[in-house]
């Protein structure tokens, strides 16, 4: 079966690239926010996020950075905290045919919010 013809024939290749990156970003956020984390475990969590979500079709790569300074701000007396959106700087690169969409989440100080947005499109 041709998945593109069967299920995505009503959108453009550009829209599909954005769609694939955006649903991956949403899944990433809701799957990993709340995960217990410390400075010692941050690198392995970054790697787990990257490796697990790069398995999805259309995902070329994922860049993951967890802001360790934000860990210091919210550390508990038990030397760990939970991951939250303010700590994330992540780029999801999704590609359909010759279109590459870069979907990003990062904390925007002016908004006081971890914003997900389309950072770039390469056609």
PDB file of N, CA and C in Angstrom:
ATOM      1  N   UNK A   1       0.833  -1.170   0.000  1.00  0.00           N
ATOM      2  CA  UNK A   1       0.000   0.000   0.000  1.00  0.00           C
ATOM      3  C   UNK A   1       0.888   1.247   0.000  1.00  0.00           C
ATOM      4  N   UNK A   2       0.488   2.232  -0.750  1.00  0.00           N
ATOM      5  CA  UNK A   2       1.177   3.521  -0.769  1.00  0.00           C
ATOM      6  C   UNK A   2       0.535   4.417   0.291  1.00  0.00           C
ATOM      7  N   UNK A   3       1.202   4.555   1.429  1.00  0.00           N
ATOM      8  CA  UNK A   3       0.665   5.336   2.545  1.00  0.00           C
ATOM      9  C   UNK A   3       0.423   6.779   2.134  1.00  0.00           C
ATOM     10  N   UNK A   4       1.353   7.353   1.384  1.00  0.00           N
ATOM     11  CA  UNK A   4       1.191   8.743   0.949  1.00  0.00           C
ATOM     12  C   UNK A   4      -0.075   8.915   0.113  1.00  0.00           C
ATOM     13  N   UNK A   5      -0.297   8.026  -0.816  1.00  0.00           N
ATOM     14  CA  UNK A   5      -1.474   8.108  -1.689  1.00  0.00           C
ATOM     15  C   UNK A   5      -2.761   7.829  -0.909  1.00  0.00           C
ATOM     16  N   UNK A   6      -2.703   6.887  -0.015  1.00  0.00           N
ATOM     17  CA  UNK A   6      -3.901   6.469   0.720  1.00  0.00           C
ATOM     18  C   UNK A   6      -4.319   7.454   1.812  1.00  0.00           C
ATOM     19  N   UNK A   7      -3.328   8.002   2.555  1.00  0.00           N
ATOM     20  CA  UNK A   7      -3.667   8.785   3.737  1.00  0.00           C
ATOM     21  C   UNK A   7      -3.225  10.247   3.720  1.00  0.00           C
ATOM     22  N   UNK A   8      -2.324  10.606   2.848  1.00  0.00           N
ATOM     23  CA  UNK A   8      -1.802  11.975   2.853  1.00  0.00           C
ATOM     24  C   UNK A   8      -1.978  12.674   1.498  1.00  0.00           C
ATOM     25  N   UNK A   9      -2.927  12.248   0.731  1.00  0.00           N
ATOM     26  CA  UNK A   9      -3.126  12.831  -0.600  1.00  0.00           C
ATOM     27  C   UNK A   9      -3.833  14.183  -0.551  1.00  0.00           C
ATOM     28  N   UNK A  10      -4.280  14.602   0.617  1.00  0.00           N
ATOM     29  CA  UNK A  10      -4.983  15.872   0.744  1.00  0.00           C
ATOM     30  C   UNK A  10      -4.111  17.010   1.282  1.00  0.00           C
ATOM     31  N   UNK A  11      -2.811  16.746   1.464  1.00  0.00           N
ATOM     32  CA  UNK A  11      -1.890  17.792   1.914  1.00  0.00           C
ATOM     33  C   UNK A  11      -0.640  17.776   1.038  1.00  0.00           C
ATOM     34  N   UNK A  12       0.096  18.885   1.066  1.00  0.00           N
ATOM     35  CA  UNK A  12       1.325  18.991   0.280  1.00  0.00           C
ATOM     36  C   UNK A  12       2.474  18.273   0.981  1.00  0.00           C
ATOM     37  N   UNK A  13       3.531  18.047   0.264  1.00  0.00           N
ATOM     38  CA  UNK A  13       4.739  17.446   0.842  1.00  0.00           C
ATOM     39  C   UNK A  13       5.276  18.334   1.956  1.00  0.00           C
ATOM     40  N   UNK A  14       5.242  19.638   1.762  1.00  0.00           N
ATOM     41  CA  UNK A  14       5.692  20.598   2.776  1.00  0.00           C
ATOM     42  C   UNK A  14       4.856  20.454   4.053  1.00  0.00           C
ATOM     43  N   UNK A  15       3.547  20.398   3.890  1.00  0.00           N
ATOM     44  CA  UNK A  15       2.666  20.243   5.045  1.00  0.00           C
ATOM     45  C   UNK A  15       2.918  18.915   5.755  1.00  0.00           C
ATOM     46  N   UNK A  16       3.186  17.886   4.994  1.00  0.00           N
ATOM     47  CA  UNK A  16       3.445  16.569   5.588  1.00  0.00           C
ATOM     48  C   UNK A  16       4.738  16.572   6.399  1.00  0.00           C
ATOM     49  N   UNK A  17       5.775  17.237   5.882  1.00  0.00           N
ATOM     50  CA  UNK A  17       7.044  17.326   6.616  1.00  0.00           C
ATOM     51  C   UNK A  17       6.835  18.053   7.950  1.00  0.00           C
ATOM     52  N   UNK A  18       6.056  19.133   7.924  1.00  0.00           N
ATOM     53  CA  UNK A  18       5.754  19.874   9.153  1.00  0.00           C
ATOM     54  C   UNK A  18       4.938  19.001  10.096  1.00  0.00           C
ATOM     55  N   UNK A  19       3.933  18.330   9.571  1.00  0.00           N
ATOM     56  CA  UNK A  19       3.072  17.453  10.365  1.00  0.00           C
ATOM     57  C   UNK A  19       3.896  16.387  11.091  1.00  0.00           C
ATOM     58  N   UNK A  20       4.769  15.705  10.370  1.00  0.00           N
ATOM     59  CA  UNK A  20       5.565  14.624  10.964  1.00  0.00           C
ATOM     60  C   UNK A  20       6.460  15.141  12.089  1.00  0.00           C
ATOM     61  N   UNK A  21       7.105  16.291  11.861  1.00  0.00           N
ATOM     62  CA  UNK A  21       7.950  16.872  12.902  1.00  0.00           C
ATOM     63  C   UNK A  21       7.151  17.344  14.104  1.00  0.00           C
ATOM     64  N   UNK A  22       5.990  17.915  13.844  1.00  0.00           N
ATOM     65  CA  UNK A  22       5.168  18.459  14.926  1.00  0.00           C
ATOM     66  C   UNK A  22       4.589  17.353  15.807  1.00  0.00           C
ATOM     67  N   UNK A  23       4.130  16.254  15.199  1.00  0.00           N
ATOM     68  CA  UNK A  23       3.581  15.194  16.045  1.00  0.00           C
ATOM     69  C   UNK A  23       4.686  14.513  16.846  1.00  0.00           C
ATOM     70  N   UNK A  24       5.875  14.461  16.287  1.00  0.00           N
ATOM     71  CA  UNK A  24       7.010  13.911  17.032  1.00  0.00           C
ATOM     72  C   UNK A  24       7.356  14.814  18.209  1.00  0.00           C
ATOM     73  N   UNK A  25       7.351  16.133  17.978  1.00  0.00           N
ATOM     74  CA  UNK A  25       7.646  17.078  19.060  1.00  0.00           C
ATOM     75  C   UNK A  25       6.591  16.981  20.162  1.00  0.00           C
ATOM     76  N   UNK A  26       5.330  16.894  19.788  1.00  0.00           N
ATOM     77  CA  UNK A  26       4.269  16.765  20.785  1.00  0.00           C
ATOM     78  C   UNK A  26       4.405  15.487  21.591  1.00  0.00           C
ATOM     79  N   UNK A  27       4.706  14.396  20.897  1.00  0.00           N
ATOM     80  CA  UNK A  27       4.889  13.116  21.595  1.00  0.00           C
ATOM     81  C   UNK A  27       6.075  13.193  22.549  1.00  0.00           C
ATOM     82  N   UNK A  28       7.153  13.777  22.082  1.00  0.00           N
ATOM     83  CA  UNK A  28       8.357  13.937  22.899  1.00  0.00           C
ATOM     84  C   UNK A  28       8.033  14.702  24.176  1.00  0.00           C
ATOM     85  N   UNK A  29       7.356  15.830  24.025  1.00  0.00           N
ATOM     86  CA  UNK A  29       7.053  16.674  25.177  1.00  0.00           C
ATOM     87  C   UNK A  29       6.215  15.912  26.200  1.00  0.00           C
ATOM     88  N   UNK A  30       5.149  15.288  25.743  1.00  0.00           N
ATOM     89  CA  UNK A  30       4.231  14.641  26.679  1.00  0.00           C
ATOM     90  C   UNK A  30       4.751  13.308  27.217  1.00  0.00           C
ATOM     91  N   UNK A  31       5.695  12.727  26.512  1.00  0.00           N
ATOM     92  CA  UNK A  31       6.277  11.481  26.996  1.00  0.00           C
ATOM     93  C   UNK A  31       7.350  11.724  28.053  1.00  0.00           C
ATOM     94  N   UNK A  32       8.171  12.751  27.885  1.00  0.00           N
ATOM     95  CA  UNK A  32       9.352  12.908  28.728  1.00  0.00           C
ATOM     96  C   UNK A  32       9.236  13.961  29.829  1.00  0.00           C
ATOM     97  N   UNK A  33       8.361  14.958  29.671  1.00  0.00           N
ATOM     98  CA  UNK A  33       8.201  15.949  30.739  1.00  0.00           C
ATOM     99  C   UNK A  33       7.664  15.223  31.975  1.00  0.00           C
ATOM    100  N   UNK A  34       8.296  15.467  33.092  1.00  0.00           N
ATOM    101  CA  UNK A  34       7.945  14.786  34.339  1.00  0.00           C
ATOM    102  C   UNK A  34       8.902  13.662  34.699  1.00  0.00           C
ATOM    103  N   UNK A  35       9.820  13.350  33.790  1.00  0.00           N
ATOM    104  CA  UNK A  35      10.811  12.310  34.051  1.00  0.00           C
ATOM    105  C   UNK A  35      11.775  12.773  35.148  1.00  0.00           C
ATOM    106  N   UNK A  36      12.046  11.951  36.139  1.00  0.00           N
ATOM    107  CA  UNK A  36      13.051  12.312  37.143  1.00  0.00           C
ATOM    108  C   UNK A  36      14.416  12.497  36.462  1.00  0.00           C
ATOM    109  N   UNK A  37      15.133  13.542  36.883  1.00  0.00           N
ATOM    110  CA  UNK A  37      16.408  13.872  36.239  1.00  0.00           C
ATOM    111  C   UNK A  37      17.360  14.503  37.243  1.00  0.00           C
ATOM    112  N   UNK A  38      18.654  14.259  37.028  1.00  0.00           N
ATOM    113  CA  UNK A  38      19.721  14.913  37.792  1.00  0.00           C
ATOM    114  C   UNK A  38      20.810  15.290  36.798  1.00  0.00           C
ATOM    115  N   UNK A  39      21.812  16.002  37.280  1.00  0.00           N
ATOM    116  CA  UNK A  39      22.928  16.336  36.381  1.00  0.00           C
ATOM    117  C   UNK A  39      23.610  15.076  35.872  1.00  0.00           C
ATOM    118  N   UNK A  40      23.672  14.067  36.702  1.00  0.00           N
ATOM    119  CA  UNK A  40      24.329  12.821  36.301  1.00  0.00           C
ATOM    120  C   UNK A  40      23.537  12.066  35.237  1.00  0.00           C
ATOM    121  N   UNK A  41      22.210  12.164  35.276  1.00  0.00           N
ATOM    122  CA  UNK A  41      21.387  11.399  34.332  1.00  0.00           C
ATOM    123  C   UNK A  41      20.965  12.199  33.099  1.00  0.00           C
ATOM    124  N   UNK A  42      21.194  13.509  33.110  1.00  0.00           N
ATOM    125  CA  UNK A  42      20.772  14.351  31.978  1.00  0.00           C
ATOM    126  C   UNK A  42      21.334  13.867  30.632  1.00  0.00           C
ATOM    127  N   UNK A  43      22.628  13.545  30.526  1.00  0.00           N
ATOM    128  CA  UNK A  43      23.140  13.086  29.227  1.00  0.00           C
ATOM    129  C   UNK A  43      22.458  11.802  28.733  1.00  0.00           C
ATOM    130  N   UNK A  44      22.181  10.871  29.629  1.00  0.00           N
ATOM    131  CA  UNK A  44      21.535   9.636  29.183  1.00  0.00           C
ATOM    132  C   UNK A  44      20.079   9.888  28.794  1.00  0.00           C
ATOM    133  N   UNK A  45      19.419  10.841  29.458  1.00  0.00           N
ATOM    134  CA  UNK A  45      18.047  11.186  29.071  1.00  0.00           C
ATOM    135  C   UNK A  45      18.034  11.876  27.713  1.00  0.00           C
ATOM    136  N   UNK A  46      18.978  12.785  27.481  1.00  0.00           N
ATOM    137  CA  UNK A  46      19.092  13.418  26.162  1.00  0.00           C
ATOM    138  C   UNK A  46      19.247  12.356  25.082  1.00  0.00           C
ATOM    139  N   UNK A  47      20.101  11.381  25.331  1.00  0.00           N
ATOM    140  CA  UNK A  47      20.350  10.303  24.375  1.00  0.00           C
ATOM    141  C   UNK A  47      19.116   9.420  24.175  1.00  0.00           C
ATOM    142  N   UNK A  48      18.406   9.127  25.249  1.00  0.00           N
ATOM    143  CA  UNK A  48      17.196   8.302  25.148  1.00  0.00           C
ATOM    144  C   UNK A  48      16.121   9.004  24.321  1.00  0.00           C
ATOM    145  N   UNK A  49      15.954  10.305  24.539  1.00  0.00           N
ATOM    146  CA  UNK A  49      14.989  11.070  23.745  1.00  0.00           C
ATOM    147  C   UNK A  49      15.366  11.002  22.276  1.00  0.00           C
ATOM    148  N   UNK A  50      16.613  11.286  21.997  1.00  0.00           N
ATOM    149  CA  UNK A  50      17.114  11.300  20.612  1.00  0.00           C
ATOM    150  C   UNK A  50      16.944   9.935  19.947  1.00  0.00           C
ATOM    151  N   UNK A  51      17.453   8.910  20.574  1.00  0.00           N
ATOM    152  CA  UNK A  51      17.436   7.584  19.945  1.00  0.00           C
ATOM    153  C   UNK A  51      16.033   7.029  19.765  1.00  0.00           C
ATOM    154  N   UNK A  52      15.170   7.254  20.736  1.00  0.00           N
ATOM    155  CA  UNK A  52      13.825   6.676  20.623  1.00  0.00           C
ATOM    156  C   UNK A  52      13.005   7.368  19.549  1.00  0.00           C
ATOM    157  N   UNK A  53      13.107   8.675  19.440  1.00  0.00           N
ATOM    158  CA  UNK A  53      12.264   9.377  18.479  1.00  0.00           C
ATOM    159  C   UNK A  53      12.833   9.386  17.073  1.00  0.00           C
ATOM    160  N   UNK A  54      14.123   9.142  16.936  1.00  0.00           N
ATOM    161  CA  UNK A  54      14.689   9.011  15.584  1.00  0.00           C
ATOM    162  C   UNK A  54      14.255   7.713  14.910  1.00  0.00           C
ATOM    163  N   UNK A  55      13.626   6.821  15.656  1.00  0.00           N
ATOM    164  CA  UNK A  55      13.108   5.586  15.066  1.00  0.00           C
ATOM    165  C   UNK A  55      11.881   5.845  14.192  1.00  0.00           C
ATOM    166  N   UNK A  56      11.198   6.945  14.418  1.00  0.00           N
ATOM    167  CA  UNK A  56       9.961   7.219  13.689  1.00  0.00           C
ATOM    168  C   UNK A  56      10.240   7.536  12.218  1.00  0.00           C
ATOM    169  N   UNK A  57       9.342   7.067  11.343  1.00  0.00           N
ATOM    170  CA  UNK A  57       9.496   7.380   9.918  1.00  0.00           C
ATOM    171  C   UNK A  57       9.496   8.898   9.702  1.00  0.00           C
ATOM    172  N   UNK A  58      10.253   9.329   8.761  1.00  0.00           N
ATOM    173  CA  UNK A  58      10.355  10.739   8.348  1.00  0.00           C
ATOM    174  C   UNK A  58      11.259  11.569   9.252  1.00  0.00           C
ATOM    175  N   UNK A  59      11.685  11.036  10.385  1.00  0.00           N
ATOM    176  CA  UNK A  59      12.540  11.816  11.280  1.00  0.00           C
ATOM    177  C   UNK A  59      13.996  11.547  10.907  1.00  0.00           C
ATOM    178  N   UNK A  60      14.644  12.595  10.422  1.00  0.00           N
ATOM    179  CA  UNK A  60      16.045  12.502   9.991  1.00  0.00           C
ATOM    180  C   UNK A  60      16.996  12.497  11.187  1.00  0.00           C
ATOM    181  N   UNK A  61      16.759  13.438  12.100  1.00  0.00           N
ATOM    182  CA  UNK A  61      17.587  13.510  13.307  1.00  0.00           C
ATOM    183  C   UNK A  61      16.900  14.386  14.325  1.00  0.00           C
ATOM    184  N   UNK A  62      17.386  14.290  15.558  1.00  0.00           N
ATOM    185  CA  UNK A  62      16.881  15.115  16.654  1.00  0.00           C
ATOM    186  C   UNK A  62      18.077  15.618  17.448  1.00  0.00           C
ATOM    187  N   UNK A  63      18.110  16.923  17.682  1.00  0.00           N
ATOM    188  CA  UNK A  63      19.120  17.533  18.551  1.00  0.00           C
ATOM    189  C   UNK A  63      18.456  17.824  19.888  1.00  0.00           C
ATOM    190  N   UNK A  64      19.050  17.322  20.971  1.00  0.00           N
ATOM    191  CA  UNK A  64      18.458  17.467  22.303  1.00  0.00           C
ATOM    192  C   UNK A  64      19.465  18.122  23.238  1.00  0.00           C
ATOM    193  N   UNK A  65      19.028  19.208  23.878  1.00  0.00           N
ATOM    194  CA  UNK A  65      19.833  19.846  24.917  1.00  0.00           C
ATOM    195  C   UNK A  65      18.928  20.110  26.112  1.00  0.00           C
ATOM    196  N   UNK A  66      19.368  19.661  27.269  1.00  0.00           N
ATOM    197  CA  UNK A  66      18.678  19.945  28.518  1.00  0.00           C
ATOM    198  C   UNK A  66      19.518  20.980  29.255  1.00  0.00           C
ATOM    199  N   UNK A  67      18.902  22.090  29.598  1.00  0.00           N
ATOM    200  CA  UNK A  67      19.597  23.199  30.263  1.00  0.00           C
ATOM    201  C   UNK A  67      19.921  22.817  31.704  1.00  0.00           C
ATOM    202  N   UNK A  68      21.182  22.512  31.947  1.00  0.00           N
ATOM    203  CA  UNK A  68      21.609  22.067  33.277  1.00  0.00           C
ATOM    204  C   UNK A  68      21.482  23.160  34.332  1.00  0.00           C
ATOM    205  N   UNK A  69      21.554  24.424  33.928  1.00  0.00           N
ATOM    206  CA  UNK A  69      21.387  25.504  34.913  1.00  0.00           C
ATOM    207  C   UNK A  69      19.966  25.514  35.465  1.00  0.00           C
ATOM    208  N   UNK A  70      19.007  25.102  34.657  1.00  0.00           N
ATOM    209  CA  UNK A  70      17.617  25.016  35.139  1.00  0.00           C
ATOM    210  C   UNK A  70      17.457  23.859  36.123  1.00  0.00           C
ATOM    211  N   UNK A  71      18.289  22.835  35.974  1.00  0.00           N
ATOM    212  CA  UNK A  71      18.264  21.743  36.950  1.00  0.00           C
ATOM    213  C   UNK A  71      18.648  22.257  38.328  1.00  0.00           C
ATOM    214  N   UNK A  72      19.688  23.097  38.373  1.00  0.00           N
ATOM    215  CA  UNK A  72      20.133  23.663  39.647  1.00  0.00           C
ATOM    216  C   UNK A  72      19.013  24.433  40.334  1.00  0.00           C
ATOM    217  N   UNK A  73      18.235  25.177  39.542  1.00  0.00           N
ATOM    218  CA  UNK A  73      17.174  26.023  40.089  1.00  0.00           C
ATOM    219  C   UNK A  73      16.045  25.219  40.726  1.00  0.00           C
ATOM    220  N   UNK A  74      15.818  24.003  40.231  1.00  0.00           N
ATOM    221  CA  UNK A  74      14.659  23.251  40.725  1.00  0.00           C
ATOM    222  C   UNK A  74      15.038  21.949  41.442  1.00  0.00           C
ATOM    223  N   UNK A  75      16.319  21.800  41.782  1.00  0.00           N
ATOM    224  CA  UNK A  75      16.777  20.577  42.442  1.00  0.00           C
ATOM    225  C   UNK A  75      16.141  20.415  43.827  1.00  0.00           C
ATOM    226  N   UNK A  76      15.727  19.201  44.144  1.00  0.00           N
ATOM    227  CA  UNK A  76      15.135  18.915  45.452  1.00  0.00           C
ATOM    228  C   UNK A  76      16.232  18.556  46.454  1.00  0.00           C
ATOM    229  N   UNK A  77      15.862  18.360  47.670  1.00  0.00           N
ATOM    230  CA  UNK A  77      16.809  17.928  48.702  1.00  0.00           C
ATOM    231  C   UNK A  77      17.320  16.516  48.441  1.00  0.00           C
ATOM    232  N   UNK A  78      16.695  15.817  47.527  1.00  0.00           N
ATOM    233  CA  UNK A  78      17.082  14.441  47.204  1.00  0.00           C
ATOM    234  C   UNK A  78      17.987  14.368  45.974  1.00  0.00           C
ATOM    235  N   UNK A  79      18.538  15.511  45.559  1.00  0.00           N
ATOM    236  CA  UNK A  79      19.483  15.616  44.447  1.00  0.00           C
ATOM    237  C   UNK A  79      18.914  15.193  43.091  1.00  0.00           C
ATOM    238  N   UNK A  80      17.643  15.428  42.903  1.00  0.00           N
ATOM    239  CA  UNK A  80      17.053  15.267  41.583  1.00  0.00           C
ATOM    240  C   UNK A  80      15.857  16.196  41.476  1.00  0.00           C
ATOM    241  N   UNK A  81      15.363  16.340  40.271  1.00  0.00           N
ATOM    242  CA  UNK A  81      14.141  17.103  40.019  1.00  0.00           C
ATOM    243  C   UNK A  81      13.398  16.395  38.892  1.00  0.00           C
ATOM    244  N   UNK A  82      12.382  17.020  38.356  1.00  0.00           N
ATOM    245  CA  UNK A  82      11.699  16.433  37.200  1.00  0.00           C
ATOM    246  C   UNK A  82      11.873  17.350  36.001  1.00  0.00           C
ATOM    247  N   UNK A  83      12.005  16.741  34.860  1.00  0.00           N
ATOM    248  CA  UNK A  83      12.173  17.478  33.614  1.00  0.00           C
ATOM    249  C   UNK A  83      10.928  18.306  33.341  1.00  0.00           C
ATOM    250  N   UNK A  84      11.136  19.565  32.954  1.00  0.00           N
ATOM    251  CA  UNK A  84       9.999  20.386  32.531  1.00  0.00           C
ATOM    252  C   UNK A  84      10.351  21.113  31.242  1.00  0.00           C
ATOM    253  N   UNK A  85       9.348  21.683  30.629  1.00  0.00           N
ATOM    254  CA  UNK A  85       9.526  22.319  29.323  1.00  0.00           C
ATOM    255  C   UNK A  85      10.529  23.444  29.310  1.00  0.00           C
ATOM    256  N   UNK A  86      10.689  24.130  30.446  1.00  0.00           N
ATOM    257  CA  UNK A  86      11.644  25.234  30.524  1.00  0.00           C
ATOM    258  C   UNK A  86      13.087  24.788  30.321  1.00  0.00           C
ATOM    259  N   UNK A  87      13.351  23.509  30.523  1.00  0.00           N
ATOM    260  CA  UNK A  87      14.716  22.973  30.428  1.00  0.00           C
ATOM    261  C   UNK A  87      15.081  22.519  29.019  1.00  0.00           C
ATOM    262  N   UNK A  88      14.108  22.479  28.116  1.00  0.00           N
ATOM    263  CA  UNK A  88      14.318  21.842  26.813  1.00  0.00           C
ATOM    264  C   UNK A  88      14.725  22.822  25.723  1.00  0.00           C
ATOM    265  N   UNK A  89      15.677  22.407  24.931  1.00  0.00           N
ATOM    266  CA  UNK A  89      16.003  23.054  23.659  1.00  0.00           C
ATOM    267  C   UNK A  89      16.199  21.901  22.678  1.00  0.00           C
ATOM    268  N   UNK A  90      15.182  21.631  21.906  1.00  0.00           N
ATOM    269  CA  UNK A  90      15.169  20.452  21.044  1.00  0.00           C
ATOM    270  C   UNK A  90      14.762  20.837  19.634  1.00  0.00           C
ATOM    271  N   UNK A  91      15.466  20.252  18.673  1.00  0.00           N
ATOM    272  CA  UNK A  91      15.115  20.412  17.263  1.00  0.00           C
ATOM    273  C   UNK A  91      14.823  19.044  16.666  1.00  0.00           C
ATOM    274  N   UNK A  92      13.683  18.950  15.997  1.00  0.00           N
ATOM    275  CA  UNK A  92      13.289  17.745  15.280  1.00  0.00           C
ATOM    276  C   UNK A  92      13.392  18.056  13.795  1.00  0.00           C
ATOM    277  N   UNK A  93      14.161  17.240  13.075  1.00  0.00           N
ATOM    278  CA  UNK A  93      14.336  17.401  11.630  1.00  0.00           C
ATOM    279  C   UNK A  93      13.526  16.310  10.936  1.00  0.00           C
ATOM    280  N   UNK A  94      12.453  16.704  10.263  1.00  0.00           N
ATOM    281  CA  UNK A  94      11.622  15.722   9.569  1.00  0.00           C
ATOM    282  C   UNK A  94      11.707  15.971   8.072  1.00  0.00           C
ATOM    283  N   UNK A  95      11.806  14.876   7.323  1.00  0.00           N
ATOM    284  CA  UNK A  95      11.987  14.998   5.879  1.00  0.00           C
ATOM    285  C   UNK A  95      10.995  14.111   5.144  1.00  0.00           C
ATOM    286  N   UNK A  96      10.311  14.720   4.208  1.00  0.00           N
ATOM    287  CA  UNK A  96       9.435  14.018   3.278  1.00  0.00           C
ATOM    288  C   UNK A  96       9.889  14.420   1.881  1.00  0.00           C
ATOM    289  N   UNK A  97      10.269  13.424   1.104  1.00  0.00           N
ATOM    290  CA  UNK A  97      10.821  13.651  -0.237  1.00  0.00           C
ATOM    291  C   UNK A  97      11.962  14.647  -0.137  1.00  0.00           C
ATOM    292  N   UNK A  98      11.848  15.822  -0.772  1.00  0.00           N
ATOM    293  CA  UNK A  98      12.954  16.787  -0.756  1.00  0.00           C
ATOM    294  C   UNK A  98      12.695  17.971   0.170  1.00  0.00           C
ATOM    295  N   UNK A  99      11.721  17.837   1.060  1.00  0.00           N
ATOM    296  CA  UNK A  99      11.373  18.915   1.997  1.00  0.00           C
ATOM    297  C   UNK A  99      11.839  18.522   3.403  1.00  0.00           C
ATOM    298  N   UNK A 100      12.634  19.408   4.019  1.00  0.00           N
ATOM    299  CA  UNK A 100      13.108  19.194   5.383  1.00  0.00           C
ATOM    300  C   UNK A 100      12.521  20.285   6.284  1.00  0.00           C
ATOM    301  N   UNK A 101      11.782  19.884   7.293  1.00  0.00           N
ATOM    302  CA  UNK A 101      11.204  20.821   8.266  1.00  0.00           C
ATOM    303  C   UNK A 101      11.965  20.704   9.569  1.00  0.00           C
ATOM    304  N   UNK A 102      12.258  21.843  10.173  1.00  0.00           N
ATOM    305  CA  UNK A 102      12.915  21.882  11.477  1.00  0.00           C
ATOM    306  C   UNK A 102      11.899  22.431  12.479  1.00  0.00           C
ATOM    307  N   UNK A 103      11.489  21.570  13.401  1.00  0.00           N
ATOM    308  CA  UNK A 103      10.527  21.931  14.431  1.00  0.00           C
ATOM    309  C   UNK A 103      11.305  22.062  15.738  1.00  0.00           C
ATOM    310  N   UNK A 104      11.057  23.134  16.470  1.00  0.00           N
ATOM    311  CA  UNK A 104      11.873  23.395  17.656  1.00  0.00           C
ATOM    312  C   UNK A 104      11.005  23.698  18.873  1.00  0.00           C
ATOM    313  N   UNK A 105      11.512  23.324  20.025  1.00  0.00           N
ATOM    314  CA  UNK A 105      10.986  23.813  21.300  1.00  0.00           C
ATOM    315  C   UNK A 105      12.152  24.438  22.038  1.00  0.00           C
ATOM    316  N   UNK A 106      11.907  25.626  22.566  1.00  0.00           N
ATOM    317  CA  UNK A 106      12.887  26.295  23.415  1.00  0.00           C
ATOM    318  C   UNK A 106      12.144  27.250  24.335  1.00  0.00           C
ATOM    319  N   UNK A 107      12.747  27.537  25.470  1.00  0.00           N
ATOM    320  CA  UNK A 107      12.143  28.461  26.416  1.00  0.00           C
ATOM    321  C   UNK A 107      12.375  29.877  25.914  1.00  0.00           C
ATOM    322  N   UNK A 108      11.292  30.631  25.742  1.00  0.00           N
ATOM    323  CA  UNK A 108      11.359  32.023  25.286  1.00  0.00           C
ATOM    324  C   UNK A 108      11.131  32.917  26.505  1.00  0.00           C
ATOM    325  N   UNK A 109      12.185  33.606  26.913  1.00  0.00           N
ATOM    326  CA  UNK A 109      12.125  34.444  28.121  1.00  0.00           C
ATOM    327  C   UNK A 109      10.992  35.463  28.051  1.00  0.00           C
ATOM    328  N   UNK A 110      10.847  36.155  26.904  1.00  0.00           N
ATOM    329  CA  UNK A 110       9.834  37.210  26.777  1.00  0.00           C
ATOM    330  C   UNK A 110       8.416  36.665  26.960  1.00  0.00           C
ATOM    331  N   UNK A 111       8.219  35.412  26.611  1.00  0.00           N
ATOM    332  CA  UNK A 111       6.904  34.785  26.755  1.00  0.00           C
ATOM    333  C   UNK A 111       6.772  34.029  28.079  1.00  0.00           C
ATOM    334  N   UNK A 112       7.922  33.773  28.720  1.00  0.00           N
ATOM    335  CA  UNK A 112       7.968  32.926  29.919  1.00  0.00           C
ATOM    336  C   UNK A 112       7.290  31.582  29.630  1.00  0.00           C
ATOM    337  N   UNK A 113       7.706  30.992  28.492  1.00  0.00           N
ATOM    338  CA  UNK A 113       6.994  29.815  27.989  1.00  0.00           C
ATOM    339  C   UNK A 113       7.907  28.970  27.105  1.00  0.00           C
ATOM    340  N   UNK A 114       7.826  27.638  27.216  1.00  0.00           N
ATOM    341  CA  UNK A 114       8.568  26.769  26.289  1.00  0.00           C
ATOM    342  C   UNK A 114       7.771  26.633  24.985  1.00  0.00           C
ATOM    343  N   UNK A 115       8.148  27.369  23.972  1.00  0.00           N
ATOM    344  CA  UNK A 115       7.390  27.469  22.724  1.00  0.00           C
ATOM    345  C   UNK A 115       7.833  26.420  21.708  1.00  0.00           C
ATOM    346  N   UNK A 116       6.859  25.723  21.122  1.00  0.00           N
ATOM    347  CA  UNK A 116       7.093  24.830  19.983  1.00  0.00           C
ATOM    348  C   UNK A 116       6.746  25.619  18.725  1.00  0.00           C
ATOM    349  N   UNK A 117       7.655  25.584  17.729  1.00  0.00           N
ATOM    350  CA  UNK A 117       7.388  26.333  16.498  1.00  0.00           C
ATOM    351  C   UNK A 117       8.164  25.730  15.327  1.00  0.00           C
ATOM    352  N   UNK A 118       7.785  26.137  14.116  1.00  0.00           N
ATOM    353  CA  UNK A 118       8.498  25.731  12.909  1.00  0.00           C
ATOM    354  C   UNK A 118       9.661  26.707  12.761  1.00  0.00           C
ATOM    355  N   UNK A 119      10.885  26.208  12.973  1.00  0.00           N
ATOM    356  CA  UNK A 119      12.052  27.074  12.920  1.00  0.00           C
ATOM    357  C   UNK A 119      12.491  27.344  11.485  1.00  0.00           C
ATOM    358  N   UNK A 120      12.398  26.318  10.636  1.00  0.00           N
ATOM    359  CA  UNK A 120      12.879  26.483   9.261  1.00  0.00           C
ATOM    360  C   UNK A 120      12.279  25.405   8.369  1.00  0.00           C
ATOM    361  N   UNK A 121      12.235  25.728   7.085  1.00  0.00           N
ATOM    362  CA  UNK A 121      11.825  24.776   6.051  1.00  0.00           C
ATOM    363  C   UNK A 121      12.865  24.863   4.935  1.00  0.00           C
ATOM    364  N   UNK A 122      13.395  23.729   4.536  1.00  0.00           N
ATOM    365  CA  UNK A 122      14.346  23.686   3.420  1.00  0.00           C
ATOM    366  C   UNK A 122      13.682  22.925   2.270  1.00  0.00           C
ATOM    367  N   UNK A 123      13.538  23.613   1.144  1.00  0.00           N
ATOM    368  CA  UNK A 123      12.864  23.000  -0.008  1.00  0.00           C
ATOM    369  C   UNK A 123      13.840  22.838  -1.154  1.00  0.00           C
TER     370      UNK A 123
END
